[in-house]
N, C-alpha and C. Protein backbone atom coordinates (compact mmCIF):
# COMPACT_ATOMS: atom_id res chain seq x y z
N MET A 1 -57.95 41.23 -27.52
CA MET A 1 -57.03 42.33 -27.77
C MET A 1 -55.75 42.15 -26.95
N VAL A 2 -55.89 41.85 -25.67
CA VAL A 2 -54.72 41.67 -24.81
C VAL A 2 -53.88 40.49 -25.30
N ALA A 3 -54.54 39.42 -25.71
CA ALA A 3 -53.83 38.25 -26.20
C ALA A 3 -53.03 38.59 -27.46
N SER A 4 -53.57 39.40 -28.34
CA SER A 4 -52.85 39.75 -29.56
C SER A 4 -51.63 40.61 -29.24
N VAL A 5 -51.74 41.47 -28.24
CA VAL A 5 -50.60 42.29 -27.83
C VAL A 5 -49.49 41.37 -27.29
N TRP A 6 -49.84 40.40 -26.47
CA TRP A 6 -48.85 39.47 -25.92
C TRP A 6 -48.23 38.62 -27.02
N ARG A 7 -49.03 38.20 -27.99
CA ARG A 7 -48.48 37.42 -29.11
C ARG A 7 -47.48 38.26 -29.90
N ARG A 8 -47.83 39.50 -30.15
CA ARG A 8 -46.93 40.41 -30.89
C ARG A 8 -45.64 40.64 -30.12
N LEU A 9 -45.74 40.85 -28.83
CA LEU A 9 -44.57 41.04 -27.99
C LEU A 9 -43.69 39.79 -28.00
N ALA A 10 -44.29 38.64 -27.89
CA ALA A 10 -43.54 37.38 -27.94
C ALA A 10 -42.84 37.21 -29.28
N GLU A 11 -43.49 37.60 -30.35
CA GLU A 11 -42.89 37.52 -31.69
C GLU A 11 -41.70 38.46 -31.81
N ILE A 12 -41.82 39.66 -31.28
CA ILE A 12 -40.71 40.62 -31.31
C ILE A 12 -39.51 40.07 -30.55
N VAL A 13 -39.75 39.50 -29.38
CA VAL A 13 -38.67 38.92 -28.58
C VAL A 13 -38.03 37.76 -29.33
N ARG A 14 -38.83 36.92 -29.95
CA ARG A 14 -38.30 35.78 -30.70
C ARG A 14 -37.41 36.25 -31.86
N ILE A 15 -37.87 37.25 -32.58
CA ILE A 15 -37.11 37.77 -33.71
C ILE A 15 -35.80 38.38 -33.24
N ARG A 16 -35.83 39.15 -32.18
CA ARG A 16 -34.60 39.76 -31.66
C ARG A 16 -33.60 38.72 -31.22
N ARG A 17 -34.07 37.66 -30.57
CA ARG A 17 -33.16 36.58 -30.14
C ARG A 17 -32.55 35.88 -31.34
N GLU A 18 -33.35 35.63 -32.36
CA GLU A 18 -32.86 34.97 -33.56
C GLU A 18 -31.81 35.84 -34.26
N ARG A 19 -32.08 37.12 -34.38
CA ARG A 19 -31.12 38.02 -35.03
C ARG A 19 -29.83 38.12 -34.22
N SER A 20 -29.95 38.14 -32.90
CA SER A 20 -28.77 38.17 -32.04
C SER A 20 -27.93 36.91 -32.24
N ARG A 21 -28.59 35.76 -32.32
CA ARG A 21 -27.89 34.50 -32.55
C ARG A 21 -27.18 34.52 -33.90
N GLN A 22 -27.84 35.06 -34.91
CA GLN A 22 -27.24 35.15 -36.24
C GLN A 22 -26.02 36.07 -36.25
N ARG A 23 -26.12 37.20 -35.54
CA ARG A 23 -24.98 38.12 -35.47
C ARG A 23 -23.79 37.45 -34.78
N CYS A 24 -24.05 36.68 -33.74
CA CYS A 24 -22.97 35.96 -33.06
C CYS A 24 -22.32 34.94 -33.99
N GLN A 25 -23.13 34.26 -34.78
CA GLN A 25 -22.59 33.30 -35.73
C GLN A 25 -21.73 33.99 -36.78
N LEU A 26 -22.17 35.12 -37.27
CA LEU A 26 -21.38 35.88 -38.25
C LEU A 26 -20.05 36.32 -37.66
N ALA A 27 -20.08 36.80 -36.43
CA ALA A 27 -18.87 37.28 -35.78
C ALA A 27 -17.86 36.14 -35.57
N ALA A 28 -18.33 34.91 -35.42
CA ALA A 28 -17.46 33.78 -35.17
C ALA A 28 -16.91 33.14 -36.45
N MET A 29 -17.37 33.57 -37.61
CA MET A 29 -16.94 32.96 -38.87
C MET A 29 -15.49 33.32 -39.18
N THR A 30 -14.80 32.38 -39.83
CA THR A 30 -13.44 32.62 -40.29
C THR A 30 -13.47 33.45 -41.57
N GLU A 31 -12.29 33.96 -41.92
CA GLU A 31 -12.20 34.74 -43.17
C GLU A 31 -12.61 33.89 -44.37
N ARG A 32 -12.25 32.63 -44.36
CA ARG A 32 -12.60 31.73 -45.47
C ARG A 32 -14.12 31.55 -45.56
N GLU A 33 -14.77 31.34 -44.42
CA GLU A 33 -16.22 31.18 -44.41
C GLU A 33 -16.93 32.44 -44.89
N LEU A 34 -16.41 33.59 -44.46
CA LEU A 34 -17.00 34.86 -44.91
C LEU A 34 -16.82 35.03 -46.41
N GLN A 35 -15.66 34.67 -46.91
CA GLN A 35 -15.40 34.77 -48.34
C GLN A 35 -16.35 33.86 -49.11
N ASP A 36 -16.59 32.67 -48.60
CA ASP A 36 -17.53 31.75 -49.26
C ASP A 36 -18.94 32.34 -49.31
N CYS A 37 -19.29 33.13 -48.31
CA CYS A 37 -20.62 33.75 -48.25
C CYS A 37 -20.67 35.06 -49.03
N GLY A 38 -19.51 35.53 -49.46
CA GLY A 38 -19.46 36.80 -50.19
C GLY A 38 -19.51 38.00 -49.28
N LEU A 39 -19.05 37.84 -48.04
CA LEU A 39 -19.06 38.93 -47.06
C LEU A 39 -17.64 39.29 -46.66
N THR A 40 -17.47 40.51 -46.18
CA THR A 40 -16.18 40.94 -45.66
C THR A 40 -16.31 41.20 -44.16
N ARG A 41 -15.18 41.23 -43.48
CA ARG A 41 -15.18 41.50 -42.05
C ARG A 41 -15.77 42.87 -41.76
N SER A 42 -15.55 43.85 -42.63
CA SER A 42 -16.10 45.20 -42.39
C SER A 42 -17.63 45.20 -42.52
N GLU A 43 -18.17 44.40 -43.41
CA GLU A 43 -19.64 44.30 -43.53
C GLU A 43 -20.23 43.68 -42.27
N ILE A 44 -19.53 42.71 -41.72
CA ILE A 44 -19.98 42.07 -40.48
C ILE A 44 -19.93 43.08 -39.34
N ALA A 45 -18.84 43.85 -39.26
CA ALA A 45 -18.71 44.86 -38.20
C ALA A 45 -19.85 45.87 -38.30
N TYR A 46 -20.19 46.26 -39.52
CA TYR A 46 -21.30 47.20 -39.71
C TYR A 46 -22.60 46.61 -39.18
N GLU A 47 -22.87 45.36 -39.54
CA GLU A 47 -24.09 44.70 -39.08
C GLU A 47 -24.13 44.57 -37.56
N LEU A 48 -22.99 44.28 -36.96
CA LEU A 48 -22.94 44.09 -35.51
C LEU A 48 -23.15 45.39 -34.75
N HIS A 49 -22.79 46.51 -35.36
CA HIS A 49 -22.85 47.78 -34.63
C HIS A 49 -23.96 48.72 -35.06
N LYS A 50 -24.73 48.34 -36.05
CA LYS A 50 -25.83 49.22 -36.44
C LYS A 50 -26.96 49.12 -35.42
N PRO A 51 -27.70 50.19 -35.25
CA PRO A 51 -28.77 50.17 -34.26
C PRO A 51 -29.87 49.17 -34.64
N HIS A 52 -30.48 48.61 -33.62
CA HIS A 52 -31.59 47.67 -33.85
C HIS A 52 -32.78 48.49 -34.32
N GLN A 53 -33.41 48.03 -35.37
CA GLN A 53 -34.56 48.73 -35.91
C GLN A 53 -35.76 47.80 -35.96
N ARG A 54 -36.89 48.36 -35.67
CA ARG A 54 -38.15 47.59 -35.76
C ARG A 54 -38.72 47.75 -37.15
N LYS A 55 -39.17 46.67 -37.71
CA LYS A 55 -39.82 46.74 -39.02
C LYS A 55 -41.14 46.07 -38.97
């Protein structure tokens, strides 16, 4: 039981780090790169500032 709790906690930390890395990459993209992805700067701003949610 304790091991499963630690595994779950480690997975949550891993996911949060990955999402943080992805948000940083989105923030660093140029307007052209965002356009190629079909995103706008305002959509990126929304993603960067929305509260972190657990799913």
